[in-house]
Amino acid sequence: MKVVIRMTSSSDIYAQLKRRIRERGLLERQPAYYSTKILATAAMLVTSWLFLLVAHSSEQVLLQLCAIVYLAFVTTQLALLGHDSGHRQVFQAPWKNTILGLITGNLLTGISCAYWINKHNQHHNNPNHLDLDPDLDIPILAFSEADLPRKGNLIQVFIIKYQAYFFFPMLTLTFLDLQCQGICYLLQKRPKNSVLELILLGIHFIAYCFTLVTFFGAWKAAVFILVHQALTGLYMGSIFAPNHKGMPVYDESSRREFFYRQVLTSRNVKSHPLTDFWYGGLNYQIEHHLFPGMPRNNLSAARHIVMAFCQEQRIPYTEVGFIQSYKEILQHLHQVSTPLRKRKSGAPANEAAPPVGLL
């Protein structure tokens, strides 16, 4: 995907927009909102485990599966709250956000707080950068034809050929990958509080496995763990994917000033109270990338300001419905892998990948 746009004084443009956002008070903390949100999420967590207990007592498999589905939903809602704490959206004091992140991340979902913050900050600094955005560093996916030569393994090539078909099944691994990568990060990089984080992760996994085995027995617990991991991964991945996948990518040779980089690489999903709740505010991806510290409940108001500002500046602002967002992702993935399928069929394929979309 190629986007060519005449860019002038990006920092001045961003300063103008930020001034309008500040004048509306949209960057101020929202203690009442987040107090309610934390209590509501905690209540959902308690009810999810009570639901599991009831399901265990009934011995009805369908009811037990429903309980696991609900637990996957609650787990993702906890992770979204951890995401907000990682951006320091919740509390003014950094240490309070850190504590919330350790609780919602390490203790309750098994995702390292330090790993997530490090990875996510890299993404925010370099969204859709082929070499610097860790969210594009997926060995079995290619998001640009310029990325195809890097995928030399036979298994990689096969999957990428049909990546549009494999995409949603692969999302089921999102949660497991975040957990495993977090543990590796703590053991290898030894960030601050790594010992505490490892202890909290240990408590989480021991309590999680012990509870399910106690309720359902070893074999059924193993099945439920797989189902829970897969459904949580699918939910998380389906929230993350529309944000940038299928949008322009760039590399070091491309122009990449902050304001344009954040807007042109991001995609919003049209707002609705249910959509806002389901996506945890990440459907306002453009506003979130421009103002990552903005409290979740202010993103909707910011959207109107940012959209109008982009229209004034004649800058593309991408917002689509949630079905259309996934359609665009799959179309993009299918288009990127076209040269590999042509090569298989004997049709001529481009020897050199086309230039990355310029920002």
Protein backbone atom coordinates (compact mmCIF):
# COMPACT_ATOMS: atom_id res chain seq x y z
CA MET A 1 0.00 0.00 0.00
CA LYS A 2 1.52 3.32 -1.04
CA VAL A 3 0.55 6.66 0.44
CA VAL A 4 2.14 9.80 -0.94
CA ILE A 5 1.38 13.04 0.82
CA ARG A 6 3.01 16.44 0.95
CA MET A 7 4.11 16.96 4.53
CA THR A 8 4.96 20.30 6.12
CA SER A 9 6.05 21.17 9.68
CA SER A 10 4.74 18.02 11.37
CA SER A 11 5.73 19.24 14.84
CA ASP A 12 3.82 22.51 14.38
CA ILE A 13 0.73 20.65 13.19
CA TYR A 14 0.87 18.30 16.17
CA ALA A 15 1.31 21.24 18.55
CA GLN A 16 -1.82 22.85 17.16
CA LEU A 17 -3.82 19.67 17.63
CA LYS A 18 -2.48 19.04 21.12
CA ARG A 19 -3.44 22.58 22.12
CA ARG A 20 -7.05 21.88 21.14
CA ILE A 21 -7.02 18.60 23.04
CA ARG A 22 -5.61 20.25 26.18
CA GLU A 23 -8.15 23.06 26.03
CA ARG A 24 -10.90 20.42 26.28
CA GLY A 25 -9.17 18.83 29.29
CA LEU A 26 -8.99 15.47 27.55
CA LEU A 27 -5.51 14.64 28.84
CA GLU A 28 -6.51 14.96 32.50
CA ARG A 29 -6.78 11.78 34.61
CA GLN A 30 -10.22 10.28 35.18
CA PRO A 31 -10.17 8.76 38.70
CA ALA A 32 -13.93 8.28 38.93
CA TYR A 33 -14.10 6.44 35.62
CA TYR A 34 -11.17 4.16 36.35
CA SER A 35 -12.32 3.45 39.90
CA THR A 36 -15.60 2.20 38.45
CA LYS A 37 -13.78 0.32 35.69
CA ILE A 38 -11.43 -1.44 38.12
CA LEU A 39 -14.29 -2.45 40.41
CA ALA A 40 -16.41 -3.68 37.50
CA THR A 41 -13.53 -5.73 36.07
CA ALA A 42 -12.78 -7.20 39.50
CA ALA A 43 -16.45 -8.14 39.83
CA MET A 44 -16.34 -9.85 36.42
CA LEU A 45 -13.25 -11.79 37.52
CA VAL A 46 -14.97 -13.04 40.66
CA THR A 47 -18.13 -14.00 38.79
CA SER A 48 -16.09 -15.83 36.12
CA TRP A 49 -14.54 -18.15 38.72
CA LEU A 50 -17.86 -18.55 40.51
CA PHE A 51 -19.33 -19.51 37.15
CA LEU A 52 -16.60 -22.14 36.81
CA LEU A 53 -17.46 -23.49 40.26
CA VAL A 54 -21.16 -23.74 39.35
CA ALA A 55 -20.26 -25.36 36.05
CA HIS A 56 -18.09 -27.89 37.87
CA SER A 57 -20.96 -28.76 40.22
CA SER A 58 -23.42 -29.25 37.36
CA GLU A 59 -21.08 -31.55 35.39
CA GLN A 60 -22.63 -30.25 32.16
CA VAL A 61 -19.92 -29.90 29.51
CA LEU A 62 -21.74 -27.14 27.61
CA LEU A 63 -22.08 -25.05 30.76
CA GLN A 64 -18.40 -25.64 31.57
CA LEU A 65 -17.39 -24.49 28.09
CA CYS A 66 -19.54 -21.37 28.49
CA ALA A 67 -17.70 -20.67 31.74
CA ILE A 68 -14.34 -20.95 29.95
CA VAL A 69 -15.57 -18.60 27.20
CA TYR A 70 -16.57 -16.04 29.82
CA LEU A 71 -13.22 -16.45 31.58
CA ALA A 72 -11.44 -15.72 28.27
CA PHE A 73 -13.50 -12.55 27.89
CA VAL A 74 -12.68 -11.41 31.44
CA THR A 75 -8.99 -12.25 31.00
CA THR A 76 -8.80 -9.95 27.98
CA GLN A 77 -10.63 -7.18 29.82
CA LEU A 78 -8.01 -7.45 32.58
CA ALA A 79 -5.25 -7.23 29.97
CA LEU A 80 -6.86 -4.10 28.50
CA LEU A 81 -6.84 -2.52 31.95
CA GLY A 82 -3.16 -3.47 32.21
CA HIS A 83 -2.60 -1.80 28.84
CA ASP A 84 -4.04 1.45 30.20
CA SER A 85 -1.84 1.28 33.30
CA GLY A 86 1.20 0.71 31.10
CA HIS A 87 0.45 4.01 29.36
CA ARG A 88 -0.08 5.68 32.77
CA GLN A 89 -3.62 6.57 31.81
CA VAL A 90 -5.10 5.51 35.13
CA PHE A 91 -3.17 7.24 37.95
CA GLN A 92 -1.05 10.37 38.15
CA ALA A 93 1.59 8.64 40.28
CA PRO A 94 3.73 6.23 38.19
CA TRP A 95 4.09 3.72 41.04
CA LYS A 96 0.32 3.29 41.26
CA ASN A 97 0.17 2.45 37.55
CA THR A 98 3.03 -0.01 38.06
CA ILE A 99 1.18 -1.79 40.86
CA LEU A 100 -1.99 -2.01 38.77
CA GLY A 101 0.05 -3.37 35.87
CA LEU A 102 1.69 -6.02 38.05
CA ILE A 103 -1.69 -7.12 39.38
CA THR A 104 -3.61 -7.17 36.09
CA GLY A 105 -0.61 -8.44 34.12
CA ASN A 106 1.68 -10.76 36.07
CA LEU A 107 -0.69 -11.91 38.80
CA LEU A 108 -4.03 -12.20 37.02
CA THR A 109 -3.22 -12.82 33.33
CA GLY A 110 0.33 -14.20 33.36
CA ILE A 111 1.75 -11.47 31.10
CA SER A 112 4.92 -9.71 32.24
CA CYS A 113 4.28 -6.03 32.89
CA ALA A 114 7.89 -5.05 32.06
CA TYR A 115 7.89 -7.06 28.83
CA TRP A 116 4.59 -5.59 27.68
CA ILE A 117 5.63 -2.00 28.37
CA ASN A 118 8.97 -2.43 26.60
CA LYS A 119 7.40 -4.10 23.56
CA HIS A 120 4.46 -1.73 23.36
CA ASN A 121 6.60 1.40 23.68
CA GLN A 122 8.71 0.22 20.74
CA HIS A 123 5.53 -0.25 18.76
CA HIS A 124 4.21 3.22 19.61
CA ASN A 125 7.51 4.84 18.67
CA ASN A 126 7.71 3.01 15.34
CA PRO A 127 4.25 1.82 14.24
CA ASN A 128 4.41 -0.34 11.11
CA HIS A 129 8.17 0.09 10.72
CA LEU A 130 9.42 -3.08 9.06
CA ASP A 131 12.55 -3.27 11.21
CA LEU A 132 11.62 -1.49 14.44
CA ASP A 133 8.00 -2.37 15.18
CA PRO A 134 7.94 -5.65 17.17
CA ASP A 135 4.30 -6.17 16.19
CA LEU A 136 5.49 -6.81 12.62
CA ASP A 137 8.19 -9.23 13.74
CA ILE A 138 6.10 -12.34 13.14
CA PRO A 139 8.10 -15.08 11.39
CA ILE A 140 5.10 -16.71 9.72
CA LEU A 141 3.45 -13.53 8.40
CA ALA A 142 4.51 -10.92 5.86
CA PHE A 143 2.96 -7.46 5.89
CA SER A 144 4.80 -6.09 2.87
CA GLU A 145 6.26 -7.62 -0.28
CA ALA A 146 9.54 -6.06 0.82
CA ASP A 147 9.41 -8.49 3.74
CA LEU A 148 9.09 -11.62 1.59
CA PRO A 149 12.83 -12.15 0.92
CA ARG A 150 13.39 -12.47 4.68
CA LYS A 151 11.12 -15.49 4.90
CA GLY A 152 13.31 -18.32 3.62
CA ASN A 153 12.16 -21.29 5.66
CA LEU A 154 9.95 -23.74 3.70
CA ILE A 155 7.31 -23.78 6.44
CA GLN A 156 7.32 -19.98 6.57
CA VAL A 157 6.92 -19.72 2.81
CA PHE A 158 4.04 -22.20 2.75
CA ILE A 159 2.12 -20.43 5.53
CA ILE A 160 2.75 -16.97 4.06
CA LYS A 161 1.48 -18.11 0.66
CA TYR A 162 -1.93 -18.64 2.28
CA GLN A 163 -1.56 -16.29 5.23
CA ALA A 164 -4.99 -14.74 4.68
CA TYR A 165 -6.50 -18.15 5.42
CA PHE A 166 -4.21 -18.92 8.35
CA PHE A 167 -4.51 -15.48 9.95
CA PHE A 168 -7.46 -15.98 12.30
CA PRO A 169 -6.41 -19.48 13.39
CA MET A 170 -2.97 -18.07 14.21
CA LEU A 171 -4.55 -15.39 16.41
CA THR A 172 -5.42 -18.15 18.88
CA LEU A 173 -1.72 -18.24 19.80
CA THR A 174 -1.56 -14.54 20.73
CA PHE A 175 -2.11 -14.98 24.46
CA LEU A 176 0.28 -17.91 24.80
CA ASP A 177 2.95 -16.03 22.84
CA LEU A 178 2.67 -12.98 25.11
CA GLN A 179 3.04 -15.16 28.20
CA CYS A 180 6.04 -17.10 26.86
CA GLN A 181 7.79 -14.02 25.48
CA GLY A 182 7.28 -12.25 28.80
CA ILE A 183 8.97 -15.03 30.77
CA CYS A 184 11.88 -15.15 28.31
CA TYR A 185 12.26 -11.38 28.52
CA LEU A 186 12.45 -11.44 32.32
CA LEU A 187 14.98 -14.26 32.36
CA GLN A 188 17.20 -12.86 29.62
CA LYS A 189 17.00 -9.07 30.04
CA ARG A 190 16.59 -8.94 33.84
CA PRO A 191 14.69 -5.61 33.93
CA LYS A 192 13.89 -3.78 37.15
CA ASN A 193 11.65 -5.82 39.48
CA SER A 194 12.24 -8.96 37.38
CA VAL A 195 12.39 -11.17 40.50
CA LEU A 196 9.08 -9.81 41.78
CA GLU A 197 7.53 -10.25 38.35
CA LEU A 198 8.71 -13.86 38.12
CA ILE A 199 7.31 -14.59 41.58
CA LEU A 200 3.94 -13.12 40.61
CA LEU A 201 3.94 -15.10 37.37
CA GLY A 202 4.72 -18.25 39.35
CA ILE A 203 1.80 -17.58 41.69
CA HIS A 204 -0.48 -17.01 38.72
CA PHE A 205 0.35 -20.21 36.84
CA ILE A 206 0.37 -22.40 39.94
CA ALA A 207 -2.98 -21.06 41.16
CA TYR A 208 -4.47 -21.18 37.66
CA CYS A 209 -3.49 -24.80 36.96
CA PHE A 210 -4.17 -26.01 40.51
CA THR A 211 -7.68 -24.54 40.53
CA LEU A 212 -8.66 -26.03 37.18
CA VAL A 213 -7.18 -29.44 38.00
CA THR A 214 -8.99 -29.41 41.36
CA PHE A 215 -12.28 -28.52 39.71
CA PHE A 216 -12.17 -30.75 36.65
CA GLY A 217 -9.34 -33.27 36.97
CA ALA A 218 -6.10 -33.34 34.99
CA TRP A 219 -7.35 -34.31 31.53
CA LYS A 220 -10.40 -32.06 31.43
CA ALA A 221 -8.37 -29.22 32.95
CA ALA A 222 -5.79 -29.61 30.16
CA VAL A 223 -8.54 -29.31 27.56
CA PHE A 224 -10.06 -26.28 29.27
CA ILE A 225 -6.67 -24.60 29.53
CA LEU A 226 -6.13 -25.05 25.79
CA VAL A 227 -9.61 -23.69 25.04
CA HIS A 228 -9.12 -20.74 27.40
CA GLN A 229 -5.71 -19.90 25.93
CA ALA A 230 -7.01 -20.13 22.36
CA LEU A 231 -10.16 -18.05 22.95
CA THR A 232 -8.27 -15.39 24.90
CA GLY A 233 -5.67 -15.23 22.13
CA LEU A 234 -8.37 -14.95 19.47
CA TYR A 235 -10.10 -12.13 21.37
CA MET A 236 -6.85 -10.25 22.03
CA GLY A 237 -5.61 -10.73 18.49
CA SER A 238 -8.91 -9.61 16.97
CA ILE A 239 -8.66 -6.40 19.03
CA PHE A 240 -5.04 -5.68 18.10
CA ALA A 241 -5.19 -6.62 14.40
CA PRO A 242 -7.48 -3.86 13.02
CA ASN A 243 -5.28 -1.15 14.55
CA HIS A 244 -2.46 -1.29 11.99
CA LYS A 245 -2.53 -4.48 9.93
CA GLY A 246 -3.15 -3.69 6.29
CA MET A 247 -2.14 -0.04 6.75
CA PRO A 248 0.97 1.51 5.14
CA VAL A 249 4.36 0.24 6.30
CA TYR A 250 7.69 2.01 6.03
CA ASP A 251 11.42 1.59 6.55
CA GLU A 252 14.44 3.82 7.17
CA SER A 253 14.32 5.18 3.63
CA SER A 254 10.78 6.46 4.08
CA ARG A 255 9.75 9.81 5.47
CA ARG A 256 8.31 9.30 8.93
CA GLU A 257 7.53 12.44 10.89
CA PHE A 258 5.65 11.79 14.12
CA PHE A 259 2.17 13.17 13.36
CA TYR A 260 1.92 11.62 9.89
CA ARG A 261 3.47 8.35 11.05
CA GLN A 262 0.88 7.90 13.79
CA VAL A 263 -2.15 8.90 11.72
CA LEU A 264 -1.34 7.21 8.42
CA THR A 265 -0.37 3.85 9.92
CA SER A 266 -3.45 3.59 12.17
CA ARG A 267 -7.02 2.55 11.53
CA ASN A 268 -10.05 3.36 13.68
CA VAL A 269 -13.04 1.06 14.05
CA LYS A 270 -16.31 3.01 14.08
CA SER A 271 -17.45 3.85 17.56
CA HIS A 272 -20.46 2.46 19.38
CA PRO A 273 -20.92 1.85 23.13
CA LEU A 274 -20.62 -1.91 22.58
CA THR A 275 -17.62 -1.49 20.27
CA ASP A 276 -15.89 0.80 22.76
CA PHE A 277 -16.38 -1.76 25.51
CA TRP A 278 -15.36 -4.75 23.37
CA TYR A 279 -12.16 -3.10 22.10
CA GLY A 280 -11.31 -1.42 25.40
CA GLY A 281 -11.00 1.93 23.62
CA LEU A 282 -8.44 0.61 21.14
CA ASN A 283 -10.92 1.16 18.31
CA TYR A 284 -9.83 4.81 18.64
CA GLN A 285 -6.36 3.83 17.50
CA ILE A 286 -5.46 7.11 15.79
CA GLU A 287 -6.26 9.14 18.90
CA HIS A 288 -4.55 6.59 21.12
CA HIS A 289 -1.34 6.79 19.11
CA LEU A 290 -1.35 10.57 19.01
CA PHE A 291 -2.06 10.81 22.76
CA PRO A 292 -1.14 7.46 24.37
CA GLY A 293 -1.58 8.83 27.90
CA MET A 294 -5.16 9.92 27.28
CA PRO A 295 -7.70 8.14 29.55
CA ARG A 296 -9.82 5.63 27.69
CA ASN A 297 -13.14 7.38 28.28
CA ASN A 298 -11.88 10.62 26.64
CA LEU A 299 -10.91 9.03 23.33
CA SER A 300 -14.40 9.35 21.88
CA ALA A 301 -14.45 13.12 22.39
CA ALA A 302 -10.90 13.38 21.04
CA ARG A 303 -11.96 11.53 17.89
CA HIS A 304 -14.21 14.40 16.77
CA ILE A 305 -11.41 16.91 17.26
CA VAL A 306 -8.75 14.80 15.52
CA MET A 307 -11.02 13.89 12.60
CA ALA A 308 -11.97 17.52 11.98
CA PHE A 309 -8.33 18.58 12.30
CA CYS A 310 -7.20 15.98 9.75
CA GLN A 311 -9.88 17.20 7.35
CA GLU A 312 -8.62 20.76 7.76
CA GLN A 313 -5.06 19.64 7.04
CA ARG A 314 -6.18 17.32 4.19
CA ILE A 315 -4.60 14.32 5.90
CA PRO A 316 -6.20 10.89 5.35
CA TYR A 317 -8.09 9.67 8.43
CA THR A 318 -9.03 5.99 8.23
CA GLU A 319 -12.13 4.77 10.02
CA VAL A 320 -14.18 1.74 8.99
CA GLY A 321 -16.70 -0.68 10.44
CA PHE A 322 -15.38 -3.69 12.34
CA ILE A 323 -16.27 -6.16 9.55
CA GLN A 324 -14.63 -3.95 6.94
CA SER A 325 -11.49 -3.69 9.08
CA TYR A 326 -10.99 -7.47 9.02
CA LYS A 327 -11.83 -7.59 5.33
CA GLU A 328 -9.10 -5.05 4.60
CA ILE A 329 -6.59 -7.02 6.67
CA LEU A 330 -7.29 -10.27 4.83
CA GLN A 331 -7.22 -8.56 1.43
CA HIS A 332 -3.89 -6.96 2.25
CA LEU A 333 -2.34 -10.21 3.48
CA HIS A 334 -3.58 -12.04 0.38
CA GLN A 335 -2.19 -9.35 -1.92
CA VAL A 336 1.22 -9.33 -0.20
CA SER A 337 1.61 -13.09 -0.64
CA THR A 338 0.60 -13.03 -4.33
CA PRO A 339 4.20 -13.32 -5.66
CA LEU A 340 4.69 -16.58 -3.74
CA ARG A 341 1.52 -18.10 -5.20
CA LYS A 342 2.45 -16.94 -8.71
CA ARG A 343 5.83 -18.58 -8.34
CA LYS A 344 4.11 -21.86 -7.49
CA SER A 345 1.81 -21.71 -10.49
CA GLY A 346 4.63 -20.86 -12.87
CA ALA A 347 3.37 -17.36 -13.55
CA PRO A 348 6.03 -14.64 -13.66
CA ALA A 349 6.71 -13.05 -10.29
CA ASN A 350 8.41 -9.79 -9.59
CA GLU A 351 12.08 -10.38 -8.88
CA ALA A 352 12.35 -7.25 -6.80
CA ALA A 353 9.82 -6.26 -4.20
CA PRO A 354 8.07 -2.93 -4.81
CA PRO A 355 9.03 0.01 -2.60
CA VAL A 356 7.51 0.25 0.83
CA GLY A 357 4.64 2.70 1.15
CA LEU A 358 6.10 6.17 1.72
CA LEU A 359 4.83 8.17 4.62
